[in-house]
Amino acid sequence: METRARFGFTAAPGSTDYPRLRRITETVDLGAAAALLAAHQAGADETELRGTLGQGLDVEITNIDYLDLS
């Protein structure tokens, strides 16, 4: 999975939390991707679809330039 979009997040003072264009590439385990898709199709809400990594971190994603899910 790869995307380039404007990412910003809340973080400790002095960090680089301001929104900026970033390219994110992540390999998603096939089983995890299937479980997320099944949960989404079953009507899971945003809270149920979130992982625990970065819990409590508010992330804002805007201005998606592209998204590749191959």
PDB file of N, CA and C in Angstrom:
ATOM      1  N   MET A   1       0.864  -1.155   0.000  1.00  0.00           N
ATOM      2  CA  MET A   1       0.000   0.000   0.000  1.00  0.00           C
ATOM      3  C   MET A   1       0.910   1.216   0.000  1.00  0.00           C
ATOM      4  N   GLU A   2       0.601   2.157  -0.864  1.00  0.00           N
ATOM      5  CA  GLU A   2       1.387   3.389  -0.914  1.00  0.00           C
ATOM      6  C   GLU A   2       0.458   4.566  -1.163  1.00  0.00           C
ATOM      7  N   THR A   3       0.741   5.666  -0.495  1.00  0.00           N
ATOM      8  CA  THR A   3      -0.015   6.884  -0.714  1.00  0.00           C
ATOM      9  C   THR A   3       0.891   8.088  -0.552  1.00  0.00           C
ATOM     10  N   ARG A   4       0.524   9.150  -1.190  1.00  0.00           N
ATOM     11  CA  ARG A   4       1.158  10.442  -0.930  1.00  0.00           C
ATOM     12  C   ARG A   4       0.018  11.396  -0.644  1.00  0.00           C
ATOM     13  N   ALA A   5       0.064  11.978   0.545  1.00  0.00           N
ATOM     14  CA  ALA A   5      -1.003  12.864   0.994  1.00  0.00           C
ATOM     15  C   ALA A   5      -0.429  13.827   2.019  1.00  0.00           C
ATOM     16  N   ARG A   6      -1.229  14.802   2.395  1.00  0.00           N
ATOM     17  CA  ARG A   6      -0.822  15.758   3.426  1.00  0.00           C
ATOM     18  C   ARG A   6      -1.185  15.157   4.781  1.00  0.00           C
ATOM     19  N   PHE A   7      -0.143  14.877   5.591  1.00  0.00           N
ATOM     20  CA  PHE A   7      -0.298  14.287   6.916  1.00  0.00           C
ATOM     21  C   PHE A   7       0.088  15.309   7.972  1.00  0.00           C
ATOM     22  N   GLY A   8      -0.686  15.359   9.031  1.00  0.00           N
ATOM     23  CA  GLY A   8      -0.355  16.145  10.205  1.00  0.00           C
ATOM     24  C   GLY A   8      -0.870  15.388  11.416  1.00  0.00           C
ATOM     25  N   PHE A   9      -0.310  15.644  12.581  1.00  0.00           N
ATOM     26  CA  PHE A   9      -0.732  14.932  13.772  1.00  0.00           C
ATOM     27  C   PHE A   9      -0.436  15.755  15.012  1.00  0.00           C
ATOM     28  N   THR A  10      -1.097  15.406  16.092  1.00  0.00           N
ATOM     29  CA  THR A  10      -0.810  16.057  17.365  1.00  0.00           C
ATOM     30  C   THR A  10       0.380  15.346  17.992  1.00  0.00           C
ATOM     31  N   ALA A  11       1.280  16.100  18.569  1.00  0.00           N
ATOM     32  CA  ALA A  11       2.484  15.515  19.161  1.00  0.00           C
ATOM     33  C   ALA A  11       3.037  16.455  20.215  1.00  0.00           C
ATOM     34  N   ALA A  12       4.084  16.011  20.853  1.00  0.00           N
ATOM     35  CA  ALA A  12       4.720  16.808  21.899  1.00  0.00           C
ATOM     36  C   ALA A  12       5.261  18.125  21.333  1.00  0.00           C
ATOM     37  N   PRO A  13       5.292  19.178  22.153  1.00  0.00           N
ATOM     38  CA  PRO A  13       5.846  20.457  21.698  1.00  0.00           C
ATOM     39  C   PRO A  13       7.272  20.279  21.170  1.00  0.00           C
ATOM     40  N   GLY A  14       7.571  21.004  20.104  1.00  0.00           N
ATOM     41  CA  GLY A  14       8.902  20.945  19.507  1.00  0.00           C
ATOM     42  C   GLY A  14       9.052  19.885  18.436  1.00  0.00           C
ATOM     43  N   SER A  15       8.026  19.074  18.222  1.00  0.00           N
ATOM     44  CA  SER A  15       8.103  18.050  17.181  1.00  0.00           C
ATOM     45  C   SER A  15       7.624  18.627  15.856  1.00  0.00           C
ATOM     46  N   THR A  16       7.794  17.851  14.798  1.00  0.00           N
ATOM     47  CA  THR A  16       7.371  18.299  13.471  1.00  0.00           C
ATOM     48  C   THR A  16       5.973  17.771  13.179  1.00  0.00           C
ATOM     49  N   ASP A  17       4.992  18.319  13.873  1.00  0.00           N
ATOM     50  CA  ASP A  17       3.627  17.821  13.735  1.00  0.00           C
ATOM     51  C   ASP A  17       2.799  18.573  12.704  1.00  0.00           C
ATOM     52  N   TYR A  18       3.374  19.586  12.043  1.00  0.00           N
ATOM     53  CA  TYR A  18       2.595  20.371  11.091  1.00  0.00           C
ATOM     54  C   TYR A  18       2.319  19.541   9.838  1.00  0.00           C
ATOM     55  N   PRO A  19       1.182  19.772   9.207  1.00  0.00           N
ATOM     56  CA  PRO A  19       0.828  19.002   8.013  1.00  0.00           C
ATOM     57  C   PRO A  19       1.793  19.277   6.862  1.00  0.00           C
ATOM     58  N   ARG A  20       2.235  18.231   6.216  1.00  0.00           N
ATOM     59  CA  ARG A  20       3.070  18.372   5.030  1.00  0.00           C
ATOM     60  C   ARG A  20       2.881  17.147   4.149  1.00  0.00           C
ATOM     61  N   LEU A  21       3.214  17.292   2.885  1.00  0.00           N
ATOM     62  CA  LEU A  21       3.068  16.202   1.932  1.00  0.00           C
ATOM     63  C   LEU A  21       4.079  15.112   2.275  1.00  0.00           C
ATOM     64  N   ARG A  22       3.594  13.903   2.480  1.00  0.00           N
ATOM     65  CA  ARG A  22       4.459  12.781   2.838  1.00  0.00           C
ATOM     66  C   ARG A  22       4.075  11.566   2.003  1.00  0.00           C
ATOM     67  N   ARG A  23       5.069  10.761   1.648  1.00  0.00           N
ATOM     68  CA  ARG A  23       4.811   9.504   0.950  1.00  0.00           C
ATOM     69  C   ARG A  23       4.957   8.378   1.967  1.00  0.00           C
ATOM     70  N   ILE A  24       3.934   7.568   2.082  1.00  0.00           N
ATOM     71  CA  ILE A  24       3.913   6.463   3.024  1.00  0.00           C
ATOM     72  C   ILE A  24       3.775   5.162   2.231  1.00  0.00           C
ATOM     73  N   THR A  25       4.693   4.229   2.465  1.00  0.00           N
ATOM     74  CA  THR A  25       4.626   2.907   1.857  1.00  0.00           C
ATOM     75  C   THR A  25       4.622   1.891   2.985  1.00  0.00           C
ATOM     76  N   GLU A  26       3.655   1.002   2.967  1.00  0.00           N
ATOM     77  CA  GLU A  26       3.523   0.023   4.049  1.00  0.00           C
ATOM     78  C   GLU A  26       3.090  -1.320   3.472  1.00  0.00           C
ATOM     79  N   THR A  27       3.769  -2.371   3.876  1.00  0.00           N
ATOM     80  CA  THR A  27       3.337  -3.717   3.517  1.00  0.00           C
ATOM     81  C   THR A  27       2.312  -4.159   4.545  1.00  0.00           C
ATOM     82  N   VAL A  28       1.149  -4.530   4.077  1.00  0.00           N
ATOM     83  CA  VAL A  28       0.074  -4.956   4.968  1.00  0.00           C
ATOM     84  C   VAL A  28      -0.084  -6.461   4.829  1.00  0.00           C
ATOM     85  N   ASP A  29       0.009  -7.173   5.948  1.00  0.00           N
ATOM     86  CA  ASP A  29      -0.169  -8.611   5.956  1.00  0.00           C
ATOM     87  C   ASP A  29      -1.509  -8.962   5.315  1.00  0.00           C
ATOM     88  N   LEU A  30      -1.505  -9.963   4.456  1.00  0.00           N
ATOM     89  CA  LEU A  30      -2.718 -10.330   3.723  1.00  0.00           C
ATOM     90  C   LEU A  30      -3.870 -10.681   4.656  1.00  0.00           C
ATOM     91  N   GLY A  31      -3.578 -11.383   5.736  1.00  0.00           N
ATOM     92  CA  GLY A  31      -4.624 -11.730   6.696  1.00  0.00           C
ATOM     93  C   GLY A  31      -5.206 -10.506   7.375  1.00  0.00           C
ATOM     94  N   ALA A  32      -4.341  -9.545   7.741  1.00  0.00           N
ATOM     95  CA  ALA A  32      -4.812  -8.313   8.382  1.00  0.00           C
ATOM     96  C   ALA A  32      -5.647  -7.491   7.416  1.00  0.00           C
ATOM     97  N   ALA A  33      -5.215  -7.413   6.156  1.00  0.00           N
ATOM     98  CA  ALA A  33      -5.968  -6.660   5.153  1.00  0.00           C
ATOM     99  C   ALA A  33      -7.344  -7.286   4.939  1.00  0.00           C
ATOM    100  N   ALA A  34      -7.394  -8.614   4.880  1.00  0.00           N
ATOM    101  CA  ALA A  34      -8.676  -9.308   4.691  1.00  0.00           C
ATOM    102  C   ALA A  34      -9.601  -9.077   5.888  1.00  0.00           C
ATOM    103  N   ALA A  35      -9.029  -9.104   7.099  1.00  0.00           N
ATOM    104  CA  ALA A  35      -9.843  -8.888   8.298  1.00  0.00           C
ATOM    105  C   ALA A  35     -10.391  -7.462   8.340  1.00  0.00           C
ATOM    106  N   LEU A  36      -9.572  -6.481   7.977  1.00  0.00           N
ATOM    107  CA  LEU A  36     -10.031  -5.084   7.941  1.00  0.00           C
ATOM    108  C   LEU A  36     -11.135  -4.889   6.913  1.00  0.00           C
ATOM    109  N   LEU A  37     -10.950  -5.468   5.730  1.00  0.00           N
ATOM    110  CA  LEU A  37     -11.958  -5.338   4.682  1.00  0.00           C
ATOM    111  C   LEU A  37     -13.266  -5.996   5.106  1.00  0.00           C
ATOM    112  N   ALA A  38     -13.182  -7.178   5.696  1.00  0.00           N
ATOM    113  CA  ALA A  38     -14.388  -7.874   6.153  1.00  0.00           C
ATOM    114  C   ALA A  38     -15.106  -7.066   7.236  1.00  0.00           C
ATOM    115  N   ALA A  39     -14.334  -6.487   8.171  1.00  0.00           N
ATOM    116  CA  ALA A  39     -14.937  -5.673   9.230  1.00  0.00           C
ATOM    117  C   ALA A  39     -15.610  -4.433   8.647  1.00  0.00           C
ATOM    118  N   HIS A  40     -14.943  -3.811   7.680  1.00  0.00           N
ATOM    119  CA  HIS A  40     -15.518  -2.622   7.025  1.00  0.00           C
ATOM    120  C   HIS A  40     -16.821  -2.985   6.313  1.00  0.00           C
ATOM    121  N   GLN A  41     -16.806  -4.091   5.577  1.00  0.00           N
ATOM    122  CA  GLN A  41     -17.997  -4.514   4.844  1.00  0.00           C
ATOM    123  C   GLN A  41     -19.127  -4.919   5.790  1.00  0.00           C
ATOM    124  N   ALA A  42     -18.769  -5.341   7.009  1.00  0.00           N
ATOM    125  CA  ALA A  42     -19.778  -5.728   7.996  1.00  0.00           C
ATOM    126  C   ALA A  42     -20.315  -4.524   8.768  1.00  0.00           C
ATOM    127  N   GLY A  43     -19.794  -3.324   8.454  1.00  0.00           N
ATOM    128  CA  GLY A  43     -20.314  -2.113   9.072  1.00  0.00           C
ATOM    129  C   GLY A  43     -19.537  -1.612  10.275  1.00  0.00           C
ATOM    130  N   ALA A  44     -18.290  -2.091  10.478  1.00  0.00           N
ATOM    131  CA  ALA A  44     -17.484  -1.618  11.608  1.00  0.00           C
ATOM    132  C   ALA A  44     -17.272  -0.107  11.491  1.00  0.00           C
ATOM    133  N   ASP A  45     -17.304   0.581  12.615  1.00  0.00           N
ATOM    134  CA  ASP A  45     -17.075   2.030  12.583  1.00  0.00           C
ATOM    135  C   ASP A  45     -15.576   2.329  12.676  1.00  0.00           C
ATOM    136  N   GLU A  46     -15.225   3.588  12.590  1.00  0.00           N
ATOM    137  CA  GLU A  46     -13.831   4.021  12.573  1.00  0.00           C
ATOM    138  C   GLU A  46     -13.064   3.535  13.804  1.00  0.00           C
ATOM    139  N   THR A  47     -13.684   3.579  14.965  1.00  0.00           N
ATOM    140  CA  THR A  47     -13.030   3.145  16.198  1.00  0.00           C
ATOM    141  C   THR A  47     -12.669   1.665  16.137  1.00  0.00           C
ATOM    142  N   GLU A  48     -13.561   0.857  15.603  1.00  0.00           N
ATOM    143  CA  GLU A  48     -13.317  -0.584  15.516  1.00  0.00           C
ATOM    144  C   GLU A  48     -12.243  -0.931  14.484  1.00  0.00           C
ATOM    145  N   LEU A  49     -12.037  -0.075  13.498  1.00  0.00           N
ATOM    146  CA  LEU A  49     -11.068  -0.353  12.446  1.00  0.00           C
ATOM    147  C   LEU A  49      -9.657   0.126  12.788  1.00  0.00           C
ATOM    148  N   ARG A  50      -9.513   0.917  13.819  1.00  0.00           N
ATOM    149  CA  ARG A  50      -8.187   1.440  14.198  1.00  0.00           C
ATOM    150  C   ARG A  50      -7.339   0.360  14.843  1.00  0.00           C
ATOM    151  N   GLY A  51      -6.022   0.492  14.644  1.00  0.00           N
ATOM    152  CA  GLY A  51      -5.066  -0.376  15.336  1.00  0.00           C
ATOM    153  C   GLY A  51      -4.666   0.247  16.652  1.00  0.00           C
ATOM    154  N   THR A  52      -3.760  -0.413  17.360  1.00  0.00           N
ATOM    155  CA  THR A  52      -3.329   0.103  18.660  1.00  0.00           C
ATOM    156  C   THR A  52      -2.031   0.886  18.565  1.00  0.00           C
ATOM    157  N   LEU A  53      -1.305   0.786  17.460  1.00  0.00           N
ATOM    158  CA  LEU A  53      -0.074   1.547  17.289  1.00  0.00           C
ATOM    159  C   LEU A  53      -0.398   3.028  17.210  1.00  0.00           C
ATOM    160  N   GLY A  54       0.238   3.821  18.039  1.00  0.00           N
ATOM    161  CA  GLY A  54      -0.027   5.255  18.041  1.00  0.00           C
ATOM    162  C   GLY A  54      -1.348   5.619  18.675  1.00  0.00           C
ATOM    163  N   GLN A  55      -1.847   4.768  19.542  1.00  0.00           N
ATOM    164  CA  GLN A  55      -3.130   5.030  20.184  1.00  0.00           C
ATOM    165  C   GLN A  55      -3.076   6.371  20.916  1.00  0.00           C
ATOM    166  N   GLY A  56      -4.113   7.181  20.739  1.00  0.00           N
ATOM    167  CA  GLY A  56      -4.164   8.502  21.358  1.00  0.00           C
ATOM    168  C   GLY A  56      -3.551   9.591  20.498  1.00  0.00           C
ATOM    169  N   LEU A  57      -2.966   9.217  19.364  1.00  0.00           N
ATOM    170  CA  LEU A  57      -2.372  10.186  18.446  1.00  0.00           C
ATOM    171  C   LEU A  57      -3.420  10.567  17.406  1.00  0.00           C
ATOM    172  N   ASP A  58      -3.758  11.837  17.329  1.00  0.00           N
ATOM    173  CA  ASP A  58      -4.738  12.291  16.342  1.00  0.00           C
ATOM    174  C   ASP A  58      -4.021  12.605  15.041  1.00  0.00           C
ATOM    175  N   VAL A  59      -4.386  11.898  13.980  1.00  0.00           N
ATOM    176  CA  VAL A  59      -3.761  12.067  12.673  1.00  0.00           C
ATOM    177  C   VAL A  59      -4.779  12.662  11.720  1.00  0.00           C
ATOM    178  N   GLU A  60      -4.340  13.605  10.930  1.00  0.00           N
ATOM    179  CA  GLU A  60      -5.200  14.197   9.908  1.00  0.00           C
ATOM    180  C   GLU A  60      -4.573  13.932   8.550  1.00  0.00           C
ATOM    181  N   ILE A  61      -5.349  13.342   7.646  1.00  0.00           N
ATOM    182  CA  ILE A  61      -4.902  13.058   6.284  1.00  0.00           C
ATOM    183  C   ILE A  61      -5.802  13.829   5.335  1.00  0.00           C
ATOM    184  N   THR A  62      -5.201  14.704   4.542  1.00  0.00           N
ATOM    185  CA  THR A  62      -5.960  15.493   3.572  1.00  0.00           C
ATOM    186  C   THR A  62      -5.189  15.553   2.256  1.00  0.00           C
ATOM    187  N   ASN A  63      -5.811  16.062   1.242  1.00  0.00           N
ATOM    188  CA  ASN A  63      -5.159  16.283  -0.056  1.00  0.00           C
ATOM    189  C   ASN A  63      -4.450  15.045  -0.569  1.00  0.00           C
ATOM    190  N   ILE A  64      -5.164  13.939  -0.663  1.00  0.00           N
ATOM    191  CA  ILE A  64      -4.549  12.692  -1.158  1.00  0.00           C
ATOM    192  C   ILE A  64      -4.174  12.889  -2.622  1.00  0.00           C
ATOM    193  N   ASP A  65      -2.876  12.733  -2.903  1.00  0.00           N
ATOM    194  CA  ASP A  65      -2.351  12.895  -4.256  1.00  0.00           C
ATOM    195  C   ASP A  65      -2.574  11.602  -5.048  1.00  0.00           C
ATOM    196  N   TYR A  66      -2.261  10.455  -4.442  1.00  0.00           N
ATOM    197  CA  TYR A  66      -2.549   9.158  -5.046  1.00  0.00           C
ATOM    198  C   TYR A  66      -2.592   8.102  -3.964  1.00  0.00           C
ATOM    199  N   LEU A  67      -3.220   6.963  -4.281  1.00  0.00           N
ATOM    200  CA  LEU A  67      -3.336   5.830  -3.373  1.00  0.00           C
ATOM    201  C   LEU A  67      -3.211   4.568  -4.218  1.00  0.00           C
ATOM    202  N   ASP A  68      -2.198   3.751  -3.929  1.00  0.00           N
ATOM    203  CA  ASP A  68      -1.962   2.508  -4.668  1.00  0.00           C
ATOM    204  C   ASP A  68      -2.153   1.342  -3.721  1.00  0.00           C
ATOM    205  N   LEU A  69      -3.142   0.510  -3.979  1.00  0.00           N
ATOM    206  CA  LEU A  69      -3.446  -0.636  -3.118  1.00  0.00           C
ATOM    207  C   LEU A  69      -3.103  -1.956  -3.786  1.00  0.00           C
ATOM    208  N   SER A  70      -2.087  -1.952  -4.639  1.00  0.00           N
ATOM    209  CA  SER A  70      -1.733  -3.206  -5.340  1.00  0.00           C
ATOM    210  C   SER A  70      -0.865  -4.112  -4.496  1.00  0.00           C
TER     211      SER A  70
END
